[in-house]
Amino acid sequence: MIRRFLNKVFGQKPHRHSAKLHALTASQHSLRPQAISPCALRVIKTLQENGFQAYVVGGAVRDLLLQKSPKDFDVATNATPEQIRRLIRRSRIIGRRFQIIHVPCHDEIVEVTTFRGHAPHDHHSQTDEHGRLTRDNVFGSLEEDATRRDFTANALFYDPVHNTLLDYFSGTKDIAARRLVMIGDPVLRFREDPVRLLRAIRFSAKLGFTLDAALIAPLRELGNLLAPIPESRLFDELLKLLLSGQARSCLELLHQFGLHTHLLPHLDSLWTNPDHVHFITLALDNTDGRLQDKKPVSPGFLLAALFWPSVQILWQTRQAQGEPLYPALFGAMEAVLDEQRKTLPIPHRFDGTMKEIWGLQPRFEQRSGQRPSRLLEHPRFRAGYDFLLLRAASGNTTPELGVWWTTFLEADPDTRPSLLVQETRKPRSRRRRSP
């Protein structure tokens, strides 16, 4: 009663702790079995024919309700991993913290999980000093599984065989209102898994959902919980943010709540410079546009863009201190990446691409002799050239340089020599012989 009174006074809604099932029939929802992938449908039919419950769950259901095409289809069931593996050929168990089943079908993999239960504090479930779940293999009921999910929009279960939609936490209403609501107390749920802080940002930006009022304070105050999260998991979440199709909105929200300091702290020094902000936002917008057009994107290219202003500043500083051009550039690269490693290291498969793109930029200034033709043969030429065009479009280098390289690239081999810029050399002073 006291909590209800305080919530009323301060305008906060009570947290949704209790589940209440709403079973929606075909006439009450817009989902259709034909929208489910054949592989996921086959998995569900196999499980149901053998006496188990099975549903499409999570993001696929949410996206279909939003008239979006799901990237993949996940299935939840009351069958255990061992039972699933015995029933479905070529399936395999993966994971330690969460045991799941992967079912490969042609060009997709259907992920199948067993319903999760409320874990008691025993050998099946372990938490650290921050309340973070470190091990969790307790199975439970459908209702318990719904309660364990993070946001109401992700706690929907669709049965394509009987065309029914199960909703325990009014997720369909929140989706219709485009509102992101946490199931349960946000502080406790974020402590259980701090990566939910980043998921909240991603879903809000990607789906265009308003953050529920109860999420605002925890998002501002609990960022330090990300510190003990494994670097590989944090980097995976960073990539999901950058490749969400709403990378610009994601970074803006990260900055708004101070969460960027746990992923990309160098951005703090760049937000105050309009030229740097323009360059970065143009790179983010270009990436979002390519994803919307179903074109491939390179994470290494985007990361190179995010760190380029920092590299360029230090490069220019080192040159001003007397270092030659290339040693200054390579030293700046390593210094910037070393600083980033203190927070979240960039994996080698990406920082190698970043260094190659950065290292090519001075070579685009060389437009005489055989050097332009040799540069065309470089395996990273296209990435370096696209990066140059991004710099030219943002004012980071002269537009004329980008135009020249586009003309040179599109010209036939016989025409290219006429496009070369004649190199002007200072005449050498002749030494007088000493008498």
Protein backbone atom coordinates (compact mmCIF):
# COMPACT_ATOMS: atom_id res chain seq x y z
CA MET A 1 0.00 0.00 0.00
CA ILE A 2 2.84 2.38 0.89
CA ARG A 3 4.61 1.64 -2.40
CA ARG A 4 1.37 2.19 -4.31
CA PHE A 5 0.93 5.55 -2.53
CA LEU A 6 4.50 6.64 -3.32
CA ASN A 7 4.11 5.59 -6.94
CA LYS A 8 0.94 7.65 -7.14
CA VAL A 9 2.62 10.70 -5.58
CA PHE A 10 5.75 10.55 -7.74
CA GLY A 11 3.99 9.47 -10.91
CA GLN A 12 5.62 6.04 -11.20
CA LYS A 13 3.76 2.96 -12.32
CA PRO A 14 3.99 -0.13 -10.12
CA HIS A 15 6.26 -2.81 -11.53
CA ARG A 16 4.56 -5.74 -13.23
CA HIS A 17 5.57 -8.62 -11.00
CA SER A 18 2.60 -10.95 -11.49
CA ALA A 19 1.83 -12.73 -14.72
CA LYS A 20 -1.71 -12.81 -16.08
CA LEU A 21 -2.26 -14.93 -19.16
CA HIS A 22 -4.13 -13.51 -22.14
CA ALA A 23 -4.59 -16.18 -24.82
CA LEU A 24 -5.34 -14.42 -28.10
CA THR A 25 -7.08 -16.39 -30.84
CA ALA A 26 -6.61 -15.92 -34.59
CA SER A 27 -9.25 -13.17 -34.73
CA GLN A 28 -7.49 -11.21 -31.95
CA HIS A 29 -4.00 -10.91 -33.44
CA SER A 30 -2.37 -10.31 -36.82
CA LEU A 31 0.07 -13.25 -36.87
CA ARG A 32 -0.21 -16.04 -39.43
CA PRO A 33 1.54 -19.43 -39.58
CA GLN A 34 2.74 -18.70 -43.13
CA ALA A 35 5.04 -15.99 -41.75
CA ILE A 36 7.03 -18.53 -39.71
CA SER A 37 10.11 -20.07 -41.30
CA PRO A 38 9.59 -23.67 -42.50
CA CYS A 39 12.43 -24.87 -40.28
CA ALA A 40 11.01 -23.33 -37.10
CA LEU A 41 7.55 -24.61 -38.00
CA ARG A 42 8.92 -28.12 -38.50
CA VAL A 43 10.70 -28.03 -35.12
CA ILE A 44 7.51 -26.90 -33.37
CA LYS A 45 5.38 -29.58 -35.06
CA THR A 46 7.89 -32.29 -34.15
CA LEU A 47 7.91 -31.26 -30.49
CA GLN A 48 4.14 -30.92 -30.26
CA GLU A 49 3.55 -34.28 -31.99
CA ASN A 50 5.69 -35.86 -29.27
CA GLY A 51 3.63 -34.36 -26.46
CA PHE A 52 5.64 -31.21 -25.71
CA GLN A 53 4.68 -27.54 -25.71
CA ALA A 54 6.52 -25.45 -28.31
CA TYR A 55 6.21 -21.81 -29.39
CA VAL A 56 7.92 -19.17 -31.48
CA VAL A 57 9.13 -16.68 -28.90
CA GLY A 58 10.86 -13.35 -28.42
CA GLY A 59 12.00 -10.95 -31.11
CA ALA A 60 10.44 -12.83 -34.02
CA VAL A 61 6.94 -12.49 -32.54
CA ARG A 62 7.56 -8.84 -31.67
CA ASP A 63 8.87 -8.01 -35.15
CA LEU A 64 5.97 -9.74 -36.90
CA LEU A 65 3.51 -7.71 -34.83
CA LEU A 66 5.41 -4.59 -35.93
CA GLN A 67 5.13 -5.68 -39.59
CA LYS A 68 8.90 -6.28 -39.75
CA SER A 69 10.74 -9.29 -41.15
CA PRO A 70 12.40 -11.27 -38.33
CA LYS A 71 16.11 -11.93 -38.69
CA ASP A 72 15.69 -15.37 -37.11
CA PHE A 73 13.14 -17.53 -35.31
CA ASP A 74 13.67 -18.81 -31.76
CA VAL A 75 11.62 -21.63 -30.25
CA ALA A 76 10.82 -22.24 -26.56
CA THR A 77 9.60 -25.58 -25.24
CA ASN A 78 9.13 -27.64 -22.08
CA ALA A 79 11.29 -30.41 -23.58
CA THR A 80 14.76 -30.65 -22.04
CA PRO A 81 17.88 -30.21 -24.19
CA GLU A 82 18.50 -33.96 -24.15
CA GLN A 83 14.91 -34.70 -25.20
CA ILE A 84 15.14 -32.15 -28.02
CA ARG A 85 18.39 -33.63 -29.26
CA ARG A 86 16.89 -37.12 -29.38
CA LEU A 87 13.84 -35.93 -31.34
CA ILE A 88 15.47 -33.60 -33.88
CA ARG A 89 18.24 -34.78 -36.18
CA ARG A 90 21.47 -32.80 -36.49
CA SER A 91 20.61 -30.72 -33.40
CA ARG A 92 23.36 -30.02 -30.89
CA ILE A 93 23.58 -28.65 -27.36
CA ILE A 94 25.70 -25.53 -26.84
CA GLY A 95 26.37 -23.16 -23.95
CA ARG A 96 27.20 -23.50 -20.27
CA ARG A 97 25.33 -20.70 -18.53
CA PHE A 98 22.26 -21.25 -20.70
CA GLN A 99 22.05 -24.64 -22.38
CA ILE A 100 20.38 -24.23 -25.76
CA ILE A 101 19.88 -26.34 -28.86
CA HIS A 102 20.92 -25.29 -32.36
CA VAL A 103 18.97 -26.86 -35.22
CA PRO A 104 20.62 -26.18 -38.62
CA CYS A 105 18.26 -26.05 -41.61
CA HIS A 106 19.58 -25.04 -45.03
CA ASP A 107 20.63 -21.38 -44.63
CA GLU A 108 19.28 -20.78 -41.11
CA ILE A 109 19.77 -22.01 -37.56
CA VAL A 110 16.77 -22.28 -35.27
CA GLU A 111 17.64 -21.78 -31.61
CA VAL A 112 15.57 -23.92 -29.23
CA THR A 113 15.53 -23.30 -25.47
CA THR A 114 13.85 -25.06 -22.59
CA PHE A 115 11.48 -22.96 -20.44
CA ARG A 116 13.45 -21.31 -17.62
CA GLY A 117 12.28 -21.43 -14.03
CA HIS A 118 12.74 -19.29 -10.93
CA ALA A 119 16.12 -20.44 -9.76
CA PRO A 120 16.70 -21.15 -6.06
CA HIS A 121 20.16 -20.43 -4.67
CA ASP A 122 21.68 -23.86 -5.13
CA HIS A 123 24.23 -25.50 -7.40
CA HIS A 124 22.00 -24.85 -10.43
CA SER A 125 21.97 -21.08 -9.98
CA GLN A 126 24.80 -18.80 -8.89
CA THR A 127 25.05 -15.02 -8.51
CA ASP A 128 28.02 -12.76 -7.86
CA GLU A 129 28.29 -9.93 -5.33
CA HIS A 130 26.41 -7.57 -7.67
CA GLY A 131 23.41 -9.91 -8.03
CA ARG A 132 24.46 -10.99 -11.54
CA LEU A 133 23.47 -14.51 -12.55
CA THR A 134 26.65 -16.43 -13.38
CA ARG A 135 25.08 -19.85 -13.88
CA ASP A 136 21.48 -20.73 -14.58
CA ASN A 137 20.21 -24.06 -15.87
CA VAL A 138 16.96 -24.37 -13.92
CA PHE A 139 14.02 -25.44 -16.07
CA GLY A 140 10.47 -24.33 -15.36
CA SER A 141 6.99 -23.72 -16.72
CA LEU A 142 5.80 -21.53 -19.57
CA GLU A 143 4.62 -18.87 -17.12
CA GLU A 144 7.95 -18.88 -15.28
CA ASP A 145 9.79 -18.56 -18.59
CA ALA A 146 7.68 -15.53 -19.50
CA THR A 147 8.48 -13.95 -16.12
CA ARG A 148 12.20 -14.52 -16.63
CA ARG A 149 12.29 -12.57 -19.92
CA ASP A 150 13.52 -8.99 -19.88
CA PHE A 151 10.92 -6.79 -21.61
CA THR A 152 7.19 -7.26 -22.09
CA ALA A 153 7.58 -6.95 -25.87
CA ASN A 154 9.89 -9.99 -25.81
CA ALA A 155 7.66 -12.18 -23.61
CA LEU A 156 5.14 -13.26 -26.24
CA PHE A 157 4.63 -16.90 -27.27
CA TYR A 158 3.12 -17.80 -30.63
CA ASP A 159 1.81 -21.27 -31.48
CA PRO A 160 1.67 -21.42 -35.31
CA VAL A 161 0.05 -24.87 -35.27
CA HIS A 162 -3.06 -23.63 -33.43
CA ASN A 163 -2.56 -19.95 -34.40
CA THR A 164 -2.76 -18.68 -30.81
CA LEU A 165 -0.71 -15.94 -29.14
CA LEU A 166 0.03 -16.08 -25.40
CA ASP A 167 0.67 -12.78 -23.61
CA TYR A 168 1.42 -12.76 -19.86
CA PHE A 169 2.48 -9.12 -19.35
CA SER A 170 0.41 -7.04 -21.79
CA GLY A 171 3.28 -7.07 -24.26
CA THR A 172 0.89 -6.66 -27.19
CA LYS A 173 -0.41 -3.41 -25.68
CA ASP A 174 3.11 -2.11 -25.08
CA ILE A 175 4.06 -2.94 -28.67
CA ALA A 176 0.98 -1.11 -29.94
CA ALA A 177 1.94 1.88 -27.76
CA ARG A 178 5.60 1.55 -28.86
CA ARG A 179 6.73 1.50 -25.25
CA LEU A 180 9.65 -0.49 -23.78
CA VAL A 181 8.69 -1.89 -20.37
CA MET A 182 10.76 -4.11 -18.10
CA ILE A 183 9.18 -7.18 -16.51
CA GLY A 184 9.63 -6.81 -12.75
CA ASP A 185 11.80 -4.34 -10.85
CA PRO A 186 14.25 -2.78 -13.36
CA VAL A 187 17.02 -2.41 -10.77
CA LEU A 188 16.90 -6.10 -9.86
CA ARG A 189 16.59 -7.20 -13.49
CA PHE A 190 19.55 -5.03 -14.56
CA ARG A 191 21.59 -6.44 -11.68
CA GLU A 192 20.77 -10.00 -12.75
CA ASP A 193 22.20 -9.26 -16.19
CA PRO A 194 23.76 -5.80 -16.70
CA VAL A 195 23.88 -6.33 -20.47
CA ARG A 196 20.15 -5.58 -20.33
CA LEU A 197 21.21 -1.93 -19.96
CA LEU A 198 22.59 -2.08 -23.50
CA ARG A 199 19.66 -4.15 -24.76
CA ALA A 200 17.27 -1.47 -23.48
CA ILE A 201 19.17 1.15 -25.47
CA ARG A 202 19.24 -1.00 -28.60
CA PHE A 203 15.56 -1.94 -28.52
CA SER A 204 14.49 1.64 -27.83
CA ALA A 205 16.53 2.98 -30.75
CA LYS A 206 15.94 0.10 -33.17
CA LEU A 207 12.20 -0.20 -32.61
CA GLY A 208 11.51 3.48 -32.00
CA PHE A 209 10.06 2.63 -28.57
CA THR A 210 9.79 5.14 -25.73
CA LEU A 211 11.63 4.05 -22.59
CA ASP A 212 9.27 3.39 -19.69
CA ALA A 213 9.72 5.93 -16.88
CA ALA A 214 10.87 3.19 -14.49
CA LEU A 215 13.92 2.53 -16.70
CA ILE A 216 15.34 6.06 -16.75
CA ALA A 217 17.04 6.25 -13.33
CA PRO A 218 18.57 2.73 -13.45
CA LEU A 219 19.98 3.40 -16.92
CA ARG A 220 21.72 6.49 -15.55
CA GLU A 221 22.93 4.94 -12.31
CA LEU A 222 23.87 1.30 -12.97
CA GLY A 223 26.41 1.58 -15.78
CA ASN A 224 29.23 0.50 -13.44
CA LEU A 225 27.66 -2.98 -13.38
CA LEU A 226 29.02 -3.49 -16.90
CA ALA A 227 32.62 -3.54 -15.59
CA PRO A 228 32.78 -7.29 -14.73
CA ILE A 229 31.01 -8.41 -17.92
CA PRO A 230 33.34 -10.45 -20.19
CA GLU A 231 34.92 -8.29 -22.89
CA SER A 232 33.79 -10.62 -25.68
CA ARG A 233 30.15 -10.31 -24.62
CA LEU A 234 30.37 -6.53 -24.33
CA PHE A 235 31.94 -6.25 -27.77
CA ASP A 236 29.21 -8.44 -29.25
CA GLU A 237 26.64 -6.06 -27.76
CA LEU A 238 28.54 -3.08 -29.16
CA LEU A 239 28.39 -4.62 -32.64
CA LYS A 240 24.66 -5.24 -32.23
CA LEU A 241 24.22 -1.56 -31.38
CA LEU A 242 26.29 -0.40 -34.35
CA LEU A 243 24.62 -2.82 -36.78
CA SER A 244 21.08 -2.36 -35.49
CA GLY A 245 20.08 -0.12 -38.39
CA GLN A 246 19.78 2.75 -35.92
CA ALA A 247 23.44 3.17 -34.95
CA ARG A 248 23.22 6.95 -34.66
CA SER A 249 20.25 6.78 -32.28
CA CYS A 250 21.99 4.05 -30.27
CA LEU A 251 25.13 6.14 -29.74
CA GLU A 252 23.07 9.20 -28.86
CA LEU A 253 21.16 7.22 -26.21
CA LEU A 254 24.38 5.67 -24.89
CA HIS A 255 25.81 9.17 -24.51
CA GLN A 256 22.59 10.49 -22.95
CA PHE A 257 22.77 7.89 -20.17
CA GLY A 258 26.56 7.88 -19.84
CA LEU A 259 26.83 4.24 -20.90
CA HIS A 260 29.25 5.03 -23.74
CA THR A 261 32.04 5.40 -21.16
CA HIS A 262 31.95 1.62 -20.67
CA LEU A 263 32.27 0.93 -24.41
CA LEU A 264 33.76 3.89 -26.31
CA PRO A 265 35.05 6.42 -23.75
CA HIS A 266 37.02 8.37 -26.37
CA LEU A 267 33.74 9.76 -27.73
CA ASP A 268 33.58 12.13 -24.75
CA SER A 269 36.35 14.29 -26.20
CA LEU A 270 34.74 14.31 -29.66
CA TRP A 271 31.15 15.32 -28.89
CA THR A 272 32.20 18.92 -28.27
CA ASN A 273 33.71 19.33 -31.76
CA PRO A 274 31.04 19.88 -34.46
CA ASP A 275 33.37 18.71 -37.25
CA HIS A 276 34.08 15.42 -35.50
CA VAL A 277 30.40 14.91 -34.69
CA HIS A 278 29.50 15.56 -38.33
CA PHE A 279 32.05 13.01 -39.57
CA ILE A 280 30.91 10.31 -37.12
CA THR A 281 27.18 10.86 -37.66
CA LEU A 282 27.67 10.74 -41.43
CA ALA A 283 29.44 7.39 -41.06
CA LEU A 284 26.65 6.08 -38.82
CA ASP A 285 23.94 7.32 -41.18
CA ASN A 286 25.67 5.71 -44.16
CA THR A 287 25.84 2.40 -42.30
CA ASP A 288 22.17 2.60 -41.32
CA GLY A 289 21.25 3.37 -44.92
CA ARG A 290 23.20 0.38 -46.26
CA LEU A 291 21.51 -1.93 -43.76
CA GLN A 292 18.07 -0.62 -44.73
CA ASP A 293 18.94 -1.23 -48.39
CA LYS A 294 20.04 -4.81 -47.52
CA LYS A 295 23.63 -4.01 -48.52
CA PRO A 296 26.64 -5.51 -46.73
CA VAL A 297 28.45 -3.44 -44.12
CA SER A 298 31.90 -3.76 -42.60
CA PRO A 299 32.18 -3.44 -38.81
CA GLY A 300 35.89 -2.70 -39.24
CA PHE A 301 35.09 0.22 -41.55
CA LEU A 302 32.59 1.71 -39.09
CA LEU A 303 34.97 1.27 -36.16
CA ALA A 304 37.69 2.96 -38.23
CA ALA A 305 35.35 5.93 -38.69
CA LEU A 306 34.48 6.12 -34.98
CA PHE A 307 38.15 6.30 -33.98
CA TRP A 308 39.48 8.33 -36.92
CA PRO A 309 39.05 11.80 -35.34
CA SER A 310 41.10 10.68 -32.33
CA VAL A 311 43.77 9.16 -34.58
CA GLN A 312 43.89 12.25 -36.78
CA ILE A 313 44.25 14.64 -33.84
CA LEU A 314 47.16 12.68 -32.38
CA TRP A 315 48.72 12.18 -35.83
CA GLN A 316 48.77 15.93 -36.43
CA THR A 317 50.14 16.55 -32.94
CA ARG A 318 53.00 14.11 -33.48
CA GLN A 319 53.86 15.66 -36.84
CA ALA A 320 53.89 19.11 -35.27
CA GLN A 321 56.40 17.74 -32.76
CA GLY A 322 58.73 16.75 -35.60
CA GLU A 323 57.85 13.10 -36.30
CA PRO A 324 57.82 12.04 -39.98
CA LEU A 325 54.41 11.47 -41.59
CA TYR A 326 54.11 7.68 -41.48
CA PRO A 327 55.79 7.04 -38.10
CA ALA A 328 53.52 9.73 -36.65
CA LEU A 329 50.43 8.06 -38.14
CA PHE A 330 51.35 4.54 -37.02
CA GLY A 331 52.25 5.80 -33.56
CA ALA A 332 48.91 7.61 -33.31
CA MET A 333 47.05 4.44 -34.34
CA GLU A 334 48.69 2.34 -31.64
CA ALA A 335 48.27 5.00 -28.96
CA VAL A 336 44.52 5.36 -29.64
CA LEU A 337 43.94 1.60 -29.71
CA ASP A 338 46.06 1.13 -26.57
CA GLU A 339 43.87 3.66 -24.76
CA GLN A 340 40.72 1.86 -25.96
CA ARG A 341 42.11 -1.46 -24.71
CA LYS A 342 41.93 -0.14 -21.15
CA THR A 343 38.13 -0.17 -21.45
CA LEU A 344 37.13 -2.60 -24.21
CA PRO A 345 39.75 -4.06 -26.57
CA ILE A 346 38.93 -4.16 -30.27
CA PRO A 347 39.47 -7.76 -31.51
CA HIS A 348 42.38 -8.23 -33.91
CA ARG A 349 40.07 -9.28 -36.74
CA PHE A 350 38.76 -5.71 -36.73
CA ASP A 351 41.68 -3.54 -35.63
CA GLY A 352 43.77 -4.93 -38.52
CA THR A 353 41.18 -3.63 -40.99
CA MET A 354 41.04 -0.31 -39.16
CA LYS A 355 44.82 0.16 -39.35
CA GLU A 356 44.91 -0.67 -43.06
CA ILE A 357 42.16 1.86 -43.83
CA TRP A 358 43.89 4.55 -41.79
CA GLY A 359 47.30 3.73 -43.25
CA LEU A 360 46.01 4.19 -46.82
CA GLN A 361 44.74 7.73 -46.29
CA PRO A 362 48.09 9.56 -46.84
CA ARG A 363 48.64 7.53 -50.01
CA PHE A 364 45.55 9.11 -51.59
CA GLU A 365 47.41 12.42 -51.47
CA GLN A 366 49.99 10.97 -53.90
CA ARG A 367 48.61 11.43 -57.42
CA SER A 368 51.73 11.38 -59.57
CA GLY A 369 53.85 8.71 -61.22
CA GLN A 370 53.00 5.03 -60.71
CA ARG A 371 51.71 5.44 -57.16
CA PRO A 372 47.96 5.87 -57.97
CA SER A 373 47.98 2.74 -60.18
CA ARG A 374 49.79 0.73 -57.51
CA LEU A 375 47.27 1.89 -54.92
CA LEU A 376 44.41 0.56 -57.08
CA GLU A 377 45.92 -2.92 -56.70
CA HIS A 378 45.97 -2.79 -52.89
CA PRO A 379 43.58 -5.42 -51.39
CA ARG A 380 42.04 -2.77 -49.11
CA PHE A 381 41.81 -0.10 -51.80
CA ARG A 382 38.01 -0.11 -51.96
CA ALA A 383 37.62 0.27 -48.20
CA GLY A 384 40.26 3.01 -48.12
CA TYR A 385 38.64 4.77 -51.09
CA ASP A 386 35.17 4.65 -49.50
CA PHE A 387 36.72 6.04 -46.32
CA LEU A 388 38.29 8.86 -48.35
CA LEU A 389 34.88 9.69 -49.87
CA LEU A 390 33.38 9.78 -46.38
CA ARG A 391 36.10 12.20 -45.29
CA ALA A 392 35.53 14.35 -48.38
CA ALA A 393 31.76 14.43 -47.87
CA SER A 394 32.16 15.53 -44.25
CA GLY A 395 34.81 18.16 -44.92
CA ASN A 396 37.55 16.10 -43.25
CA THR A 397 39.57 16.42 -46.47
CA THR A 398 39.12 18.41 -49.67
CA PRO A 399 36.16 17.36 -51.88
CA GLU A 400 38.45 17.77 -54.90
CA LEU A 401 40.59 14.83 -53.72
CA GLY A 402 37.57 12.52 -53.65
CA VAL A 403 36.45 13.71 -57.09
CA TRP A 404 39.92 13.11 -58.57
CA TRP A 405 40.10 9.54 -57.27
CA THR A 406 36.60 8.76 -58.50
CA THR A 407 37.53 10.06 -61.96
CA PHE A 408 40.81 8.11 -61.94
CA LEU A 409 39.10 4.91 -60.80
CA GLU A 410 36.40 5.08 -63.48
CA ALA A 411 38.75 6.08 -66.31
CA ASP A 412 40.08 3.49 -68.75
CA PRO A 413 43.78 2.57 -68.43
CA ASP A 414 44.76 4.63 -71.49
CA THR A 415 43.21 7.80 -70.06
CA ARG A 416 44.62 7.54 -66.55
CA PRO A 417 48.12 8.88 -67.35
CA SER A 418 46.60 12.18 -68.50
CA LEU A 419 44.90 12.58 -65.12
CA LEU A 420 48.09 12.35 -63.10
CA VAL A 421 49.18 15.42 -61.21
CA GLN A 422 52.61 16.63 -62.15
CA GLU A 423 54.89 16.62 -59.17
CA THR A 424 56.61 19.92 -58.54
CA ARG A 425 60.02 19.55 -57.00
CA LYS A 426 62.10 22.26 -55.49
CA PRO A 427 65.31 22.80 -57.46
CA ARG A 428 68.35 21.53 -55.64
CA SER A 429 70.93 24.13 -54.80
CA ARG A 430 74.26 23.31 -56.38
CA ARG A 431 77.17 23.14 -54.03
CA ARG A 432 80.19 25.16 -54.88
CA ARG A 433 83.47 23.40 -54.83
CA SER A 434 85.73 24.61 -52.15
CA PRO A 435 88.90 26.10 -53.57
